[in-house]
Amino acid sequence: MAEAVPYRSSVRPVPRRRLGRDLSCSAVGLGCMGMSDFYGVADRAESIRTIQAAVDAGITLLDTADVYGPFSNERLLGEALRGRRDRVLVSTKAGQLRRADDPAYRGLDGSPEHIHRACDASLERLGVETIDLYLLHRVDRRVPVEDSIGAMAELVTAGKVRSIGLSEVRAATLRRAAAVHPVSVVQTEYSLWSREVEDEVLPALRELGGSLIAYAPLGRGFLTGRLDIAKLSNDDYRRGLPRLLPENLGRNEVLVRRLARLAEAWGLTPAQLALSWVLDRGDDVIALMGTTRRSHLAENLAAAAVTLTAAQTAELEAAFPADAAAGDRYASRATIDG
């Protein structure tokens, strides 16, 4: 077994990484979705304190979307950032549809008209004059991606947006979009058990000078080894994820136990090891952690100070092969392919 690499978990500056061609941010960002939606009952007061603690600890990328809540997460983030706005980059998204009176409704609208309206609404909810990073949340197949990106480019020209990106797209879609306007980032799920992005999207993104924002780097909490499926609330959407269903759960728990054994041997927690693996994929990869409580911040930030040796990486990937996870990421692939 490879020897552990020493690291310090005390307070130290969070490393910075480039975000596309023109921006930079902390290597670890904070995803705010779970503070309003999807993961059961949210604690608004604790969420605000967590966002503020993250910024004070050196996290400079905060991620939200108009449909999280729906529509309440941007307001939450805006409130939490009062007095701290100039210390962070705010990332939000448009293109998905939800209804406040029917949160289960899902739809897509990538039309230029919708993107312009959505941006104005996000600016108002966030309480900011400019969105640092604006993403097309999902590609609407009824609308050429060139039209959607063209509208976002108009927002850049108008000074409402600094930089643009895409979420969950194929390499071909990325190239079409980049032919209209530079794409700073692609945001996609990326972790030890979700590595499809390595095949085509990540190489294309690097060729185009963009960066990758890896969401769910801890596998929706499963890779921490602490997630108890039986204790999830009935409205926690993870209950329906294929990898956490009974027919797949046992095989995936084997993988997490392997991860935990290596983490213990190397003086890390499973979360730190899983995060450090993502961060080790390159200086153009930013890990977007989704913690909703201050108690997990320090643990996750410590991963930014871990350097895995080549031997450790090889041992980890042998224990947790790229195609080892049982089950798909989502119940329907129609939700993730552009």
Protein backbone atom coordinates (compact mmCIF):
# COMPACT_ATOMS: atom_id res chain seq x y z
CA MET A 1 0.00 0.00 0.00
CA ALA A 2 1.34 3.42 -0.95
CA GLU A 3 2.65 5.62 1.85
CA ALA A 4 0.43 8.49 2.89
CA VAL A 5 1.31 12.03 1.87
CA PRO A 6 1.45 14.36 4.90
CA TYR A 7 -0.78 17.40 4.88
CA ARG A 8 -1.96 20.03 7.33
CA SER A 9 -5.65 20.46 8.02
CA SER A 10 -5.21 23.76 9.87
CA VAL A 11 -6.42 27.00 8.32
CA ARG A 12 -4.42 27.88 5.22
CA PRO A 13 -5.23 29.68 1.97
CA VAL A 14 -7.43 27.70 -0.41
CA PRO A 15 -5.52 27.17 -3.69
CA ARG A 16 -6.81 29.10 -6.67
CA ARG A 17 -7.43 27.82 -10.16
CA ARG A 18 -8.26 29.45 -13.46
CA LEU A 19 -11.89 29.57 -14.50
CA GLY A 20 -11.86 29.75 -18.26
CA ARG A 21 -9.53 32.27 -19.84
CA ASP A 22 -10.30 35.38 -17.82
CA LEU A 23 -11.39 34.43 -14.28
CA SER A 24 -9.96 32.51 -11.34
CA CYS A 25 -11.48 31.04 -8.20
CA SER A 26 -10.81 28.75 -5.28
CA ALA A 27 -10.08 25.12 -6.20
CA VAL A 28 -13.13 24.15 -4.15
CA GLY A 29 -16.46 25.89 -4.69
CA LEU A 30 -19.74 25.73 -2.78
CA GLY A 31 -22.87 24.44 -4.47
CA CYS A 32 -25.96 25.84 -2.77
CA MET A 33 -28.70 23.70 -4.34
CA GLY A 34 -29.23 21.47 -1.30
CA MET A 35 -29.79 24.50 0.90
CA SER A 36 -33.23 25.01 -0.63
CA ASP A 37 -34.20 21.88 -2.48
CA PHE A 38 -33.86 18.19 -3.30
CA TYR A 39 -32.24 16.94 -0.08
CA GLY A 40 -35.19 17.10 2.29
CA VAL A 41 -35.99 19.82 4.82
CA ALA A 42 -33.55 22.73 4.62
CA ASP A 43 -32.32 24.91 7.48
CA ARG A 44 -32.26 28.45 6.10
CA ALA A 45 -30.40 30.02 9.03
CA GLU A 46 -27.71 27.33 9.02
CA SER A 47 -27.43 27.58 5.24
CA ILE A 48 -26.71 31.31 5.45
CA ARG A 49 -24.13 30.74 8.16
CA THR A 50 -22.52 27.99 6.08
CA ILE A 51 -22.24 30.23 3.01
CA GLN A 52 -20.70 33.00 5.07
CA ALA A 53 -18.30 30.62 6.79
CA ALA A 54 -17.26 29.22 3.41
CA VAL A 55 -16.48 32.69 2.06
CA ASP A 56 -14.59 33.60 5.23
CA ALA A 57 -12.57 30.37 4.84
CA GLY A 58 -11.49 31.34 1.32
CA ILE A 59 -14.07 29.80 -1.00
CA THR A 60 -14.64 32.23 -3.86
CA LEU A 61 -17.06 30.35 -6.15
CA LEU A 62 -20.72 30.10 -5.11
CA ASP A 63 -23.08 28.17 -7.37
CA THR A 64 -26.86 28.37 -7.63
CA ALA A 65 -29.60 28.30 -10.30
CA ASP A 66 -32.90 30.03 -10.87
CA VAL A 67 -34.90 26.81 -10.50
CA TYR A 68 -33.41 25.73 -7.16
CA GLY A 69 -36.11 26.11 -4.55
CA PRO A 70 -37.73 26.73 -7.00
CA PHE A 71 -36.66 30.38 -7.22
CA SER A 72 -35.67 30.76 -3.56
CA ASN A 73 -32.03 29.66 -3.63
CA GLU A 74 -30.81 32.75 -5.46
CA ARG A 75 -32.47 34.96 -2.84
CA LEU A 76 -30.86 32.90 -0.09
CA LEU A 77 -27.43 33.31 -1.66
CA GLY A 78 -27.93 37.02 -2.22
CA GLU A 79 -28.87 37.51 1.41
CA ALA A 80 -25.87 35.50 2.64
CA LEU A 81 -23.44 37.50 0.48
CA ARG A 82 -24.38 40.94 1.72
CA GLY A 83 -21.10 42.56 2.70
CA ARG A 84 -19.15 39.77 1.03
CA ARG A 85 -20.14 40.15 -2.64
CA ASP A 86 -16.81 41.60 -3.73
CA ARG A 87 -14.97 38.52 -2.42
CA VAL A 88 -16.67 35.90 -4.58
CA LEU A 89 -17.78 34.84 -8.03
CA VAL A 90 -21.47 34.10 -8.32
CA SER A 91 -22.54 31.40 -10.75
CA THR A 92 -26.16 30.80 -11.70
CA LYS A 93 -28.05 29.09 -14.51
CA ALA A 94 -31.03 29.33 -16.84
CA GLY A 95 -32.79 27.05 -19.28
CA GLN A 96 -34.63 24.67 -16.98
CA LEU A 97 -38.22 25.33 -16.00
CA ARG A 98 -40.06 24.74 -12.75
CA ARG A 99 -43.22 26.17 -11.22
CA ALA A 100 -43.54 27.53 -7.71
CA ASP A 101 -47.07 26.09 -7.52
CA ASP A 102 -45.95 22.68 -8.83
CA PRO A 103 -42.32 21.93 -7.83
CA ALA A 104 -42.50 18.52 -9.51
CA TYR A 105 -42.92 20.12 -12.94
CA ARG A 106 -39.86 20.00 -15.19
CA GLY A 107 -39.33 21.62 -18.56
CA LEU A 108 -36.72 23.26 -20.78
CA ASP A 109 -36.59 26.62 -22.54
CA GLY A 110 -33.38 27.65 -24.23
CA SER A 111 -34.94 30.37 -26.35
CA PRO A 112 -33.18 33.74 -26.45
CA GLU A 113 -36.31 35.42 -25.09
CA HIS A 114 -36.41 33.16 -22.05
CA ILE A 115 -32.69 33.51 -21.37
CA HIS A 116 -32.92 37.31 -21.36
CA ARG A 117 -35.95 37.25 -19.04
CA ALA A 118 -34.33 34.67 -16.77
CA CYS A 119 -31.13 36.69 -16.45
CA ASP A 120 -33.01 39.82 -15.39
CA ALA A 121 -34.96 37.81 -12.83
CA SER A 122 -31.77 36.22 -11.45
CA LEU A 123 -30.07 39.59 -11.11
CA GLU A 124 -33.04 40.82 -9.09
CA ARG A 125 -33.21 37.76 -6.82
CA LEU A 126 -29.45 37.75 -6.21
CA GLY A 127 -29.37 41.49 -5.62
CA VAL A 128 -26.33 41.97 -7.86
CA GLU A 129 -25.57 44.10 -10.91
CA THR A 130 -23.56 41.45 -12.74
CA ILE A 131 -23.53 37.64 -12.77
CA ASP A 132 -19.94 36.42 -12.89
CA LEU A 133 -20.68 33.07 -14.52
CA TYR A 134 -23.94 32.31 -16.34
CA LEU A 135 -24.63 28.75 -17.46
CA LEU A 136 -27.12 27.16 -19.81
CA HIS A 137 -28.51 24.66 -17.31
CA ARG A 138 -29.54 22.11 -19.92
CA VAL A 139 -29.66 22.26 -23.71
CA ASP A 140 -33.16 22.58 -25.10
CA ARG A 141 -33.21 20.32 -28.15
CA ARG A 142 -35.97 22.42 -29.72
CA VAL A 143 -33.61 25.40 -29.84
CA PRO A 144 -30.23 25.35 -31.64
CA VAL A 145 -27.53 25.74 -29.01
CA GLU A 146 -26.09 28.52 -31.16
CA ASP A 147 -29.23 30.58 -30.51
CA SER A 148 -29.06 29.99 -26.75
CA ILE A 149 -25.38 30.90 -26.59
CA GLY A 150 -25.96 33.89 -28.83
CA ALA A 151 -28.43 35.27 -26.30
CA MET A 152 -25.94 34.70 -23.49
CA ALA A 153 -23.27 36.49 -25.52
CA GLU A 154 -25.64 39.46 -25.77
CA LEU A 155 -25.85 39.48 -21.97
CA VAL A 156 -22.05 39.68 -21.80
CA THR A 157 -22.08 42.63 -24.21
CA ALA A 158 -24.76 44.32 -22.09
CA GLY A 159 -22.61 43.97 -18.97
CA LYS A 160 -25.12 41.76 -17.17
CA VAL A 161 -22.85 38.69 -17.33
CA ARG A 162 -19.08 38.38 -17.23
CA SER A 163 -18.57 34.85 -18.53
CA ILE A 164 -20.70 31.98 -19.82
CA GLY A 165 -20.75 28.20 -19.69
CA LEU A 166 -22.74 25.03 -20.22
CA SER A 167 -23.98 22.24 -18.01
CA GLU A 168 -24.16 18.53 -18.93
CA VAL A 169 -23.36 18.63 -22.64
CA ARG A 170 -21.66 16.43 -25.18
CA ALA A 171 -18.37 17.44 -26.79
CA ALA A 172 -20.07 18.15 -30.13
CA THR A 173 -22.53 20.52 -28.45
CA LEU A 174 -19.69 22.25 -26.64
CA ARG A 175 -17.84 22.84 -29.89
CA ARG A 176 -20.93 24.29 -31.57
CA ALA A 177 -21.45 26.66 -28.67
CA ALA A 178 -17.81 27.72 -28.57
CA ALA A 179 -17.95 28.65 -32.24
CA VAL A 180 -20.42 31.40 -31.27
CA HIS A 181 -18.81 32.68 -28.07
CA PRO A 182 -15.97 31.50 -25.79
CA VAL A 183 -17.24 28.94 -23.27
CA SER A 184 -15.48 29.42 -19.95
CA VAL A 185 -16.71 26.28 -18.21
CA VAL A 186 -18.62 23.09 -18.49
CA GLN A 187 -20.31 21.96 -15.32
CA THR A 188 -20.97 18.26 -15.02
CA GLU A 189 -21.07 15.49 -12.47
CA TYR A 190 -17.54 14.17 -11.95
CA SER A 191 -16.30 11.88 -9.23
CA LEU A 192 -14.71 8.50 -8.67
CA TRP A 193 -17.93 6.86 -9.80
CA SER A 194 -18.94 9.31 -12.56
CA ARG A 195 -16.10 9.62 -15.05
CA GLU A 196 -17.79 9.73 -18.46
CA VAL A 197 -16.62 13.31 -18.94
CA GLU A 198 -13.06 12.05 -19.36
CA ASP A 199 -13.84 10.38 -22.69
CA GLU A 200 -14.63 13.37 -24.92
CA VAL A 201 -15.90 16.41 -23.04
CA LEU A 202 -12.86 17.13 -20.88
CA PRO A 203 -10.37 16.84 -23.79
CA ALA A 204 -12.55 19.13 -25.93
CA LEU A 205 -12.92 21.63 -23.09
CA ARG A 206 -9.15 21.75 -22.60
CA GLU A 207 -8.61 22.24 -26.32
CA LEU A 208 -10.98 25.22 -26.16
CA GLY A 209 -9.32 26.75 -23.09
CA GLY A 210 -12.20 26.14 -20.69
CA SER A 211 -12.39 24.76 -17.16
CA LEU A 212 -14.46 21.99 -15.62
CA ILE A 213 -16.69 22.52 -12.60
CA ALA A 214 -17.23 19.08 -11.09
CA TYR A 215 -20.50 18.88 -9.21
CA ALA A 216 -21.41 15.99 -6.88
CA PRO A 217 -17.72 15.10 -6.35
CA LEU A 218 -18.81 13.12 -3.29
CA GLY A 219 -21.48 11.16 -5.14
CA ARG A 220 -24.40 13.05 -3.53
CA GLY A 221 -22.85 12.26 -0.14
CA PHE A 222 -22.59 8.51 -0.76
CA LEU A 223 -18.81 8.52 -1.13
CA THR A 224 -18.41 9.97 2.36
CA GLY A 225 -19.48 6.62 3.81
CA ARG A 226 -21.92 8.45 6.08
CA LEU A 227 -25.06 8.46 3.97
CA ASP A 228 -27.80 6.30 5.45
CA ILE A 229 -30.37 5.77 2.70
CA ALA A 230 -32.98 4.52 5.17
CA LYS A 231 -32.88 7.83 7.05
CA LEU A 232 -33.43 10.05 4.02
CA SER A 233 -36.71 11.95 4.10
CA ASN A 234 -39.42 10.87 1.69
CA ASP A 235 -38.94 14.01 -0.41
CA ASP A 236 -35.16 13.55 -0.74
CA TYR A 237 -34.64 12.99 -4.45
CA ARG A 238 -31.65 10.71 -3.83
CA ARG A 239 -34.12 7.97 -2.94
CA GLY A 240 -34.86 7.64 -6.66
CA LEU A 241 -31.31 7.69 -7.99
CA PRO A 242 -30.53 4.34 -9.66
CA ARG A 243 -27.22 3.87 -7.84
CA LEU A 244 -28.92 4.11 -4.46
CA LEU A 245 -31.76 1.70 -5.24
CA PRO A 246 -31.72 -1.72 -3.50
CA GLU A 247 -30.69 -3.62 -6.64
CA ASN A 248 -27.50 -1.55 -6.95
CA LEU A 249 -26.78 -0.37 -3.43
CA GLY A 250 -24.92 -3.46 -2.22
CA ARG A 251 -22.36 -3.40 -5.05
CA ASN A 252 -21.78 0.30 -4.57
CA GLU A 253 -21.35 -0.05 -0.82
CA VAL A 254 -18.45 -2.41 -1.54
CA LEU A 255 -16.73 0.38 -3.47
CA VAL A 256 -17.23 2.86 -0.63
CA ARG A 257 -15.78 0.41 1.90
CA ARG A 258 -12.68 0.09 -0.28
CA LEU A 259 -12.44 3.87 -0.44
CA ALA A 260 -12.80 4.12 3.34
CA ARG A 261 -10.04 1.56 3.97
CA LEU A 262 -7.58 3.47 1.80
CA ALA A 263 -8.58 6.80 3.35
CA GLU A 264 -7.98 5.46 6.86
CA ALA A 265 -4.59 4.05 5.88
CA TRP A 266 -3.56 7.42 4.46
CA GLY A 267 -4.81 9.51 7.37
CA LEU A 268 -7.77 10.97 5.49
CA THR A 269 -11.54 10.75 5.64
CA PRO A 270 -13.34 9.14 2.67
CA ALA A 271 -14.68 12.57 1.73
CA GLN A 272 -11.20 14.07 1.68
CA LEU A 273 -9.83 11.25 -0.43
CA ALA A 274 -12.69 11.41 -2.92
CA LEU A 275 -12.38 15.21 -3.21
CA SER A 276 -8.61 15.15 -3.51
CA TRP A 277 -8.89 12.64 -6.39
CA VAL A 278 -11.15 15.07 -8.28
CA LEU A 279 -8.86 18.02 -7.58
CA ASP A 280 -5.90 15.97 -8.76
CA ARG A 281 -7.41 15.64 -12.25
CA GLY A 282 -5.88 18.95 -13.30
CA ASP A 283 -5.47 22.62 -12.49
CA ASP A 284 -8.48 23.34 -14.68
CA VAL A 285 -10.85 21.27 -12.52
CA ILE A 286 -12.83 22.89 -9.69
CA ALA A 287 -14.66 20.67 -7.20
CA LEU A 288 -18.10 21.94 -6.23
CA MET A 289 -18.93 20.60 -2.79
CA GLY A 290 -22.54 20.63 -1.69
CA THR A 291 -22.27 20.71 2.08
CA THR A 292 -25.15 22.45 3.80
CA ARG A 293 -23.61 22.64 7.28
CA ARG A 294 -20.57 24.35 8.70
CA SER A 295 -19.48 21.15 10.44
CA HIS A 296 -18.33 19.65 7.12
CA LEU A 297 -16.57 22.71 5.69
CA ALA A 298 -13.20 22.24 7.33
CA GLU A 299 -13.09 18.54 6.44
CA ASN A 300 -13.79 19.21 2.78
CA LEU A 301 -11.46 22.19 2.48
CA ALA A 302 -8.61 20.10 3.87
CA ALA A 303 -8.81 18.03 0.68
CA ALA A 304 -7.42 21.00 -1.26
CA ALA A 305 -4.16 20.58 0.66
CA VAL A 306 -3.79 16.86 -0.16
CA THR A 307 -1.42 15.74 -2.90
CA LEU A 308 -1.84 12.14 -3.99
CA THR A 309 1.22 10.33 -5.27
CA ALA A 310 1.08 8.43 -8.54
CA ALA A 311 1.19 5.20 -6.54
CA GLN A 312 -1.73 6.28 -4.37
CA THR A 313 -3.78 7.28 -7.38
CA ALA A 314 -3.10 3.94 -9.05
CA GLU A 315 -4.08 2.05 -5.92
CA LEU A 316 -7.26 4.06 -5.49
CA GLU A 317 -8.32 3.61 -9.10
CA ALA A 318 -7.62 -0.11 -8.91
CA ALA A 319 -9.90 -0.35 -5.88
CA PHE A 320 -12.51 1.92 -7.49
CA PRO A 321 -12.38 1.38 -11.28
CA ALA A 322 -13.94 3.93 -13.61
CA ASP A 323 -16.78 1.64 -14.69
CA ALA A 324 -17.38 -0.05 -11.34
CA ALA A 325 -20.50 1.81 -10.16
CA ALA A 326 -23.73 -0.15 -10.46
CA GLY A 327 -26.59 1.83 -11.99
CA ASP A 328 -26.85 5.02 -14.04
CA ARG A 329 -26.41 8.53 -12.67
CA TYR A 330 -30.03 9.48 -13.35
CA ALA A 331 -33.20 7.56 -14.03
CA SER A 332 -33.42 9.14 -17.50
CA ARG A 333 -30.47 10.05 -19.70
CA ALA A 334 -32.72 12.55 -21.47
CA THR A 335 -32.07 14.88 -18.54
CA ILE A 336 -28.32 15.07 -19.07
CA ASP A 337 -27.45 14.90 -22.79
CA GLY A 338 -27.32 18.00 -24.91
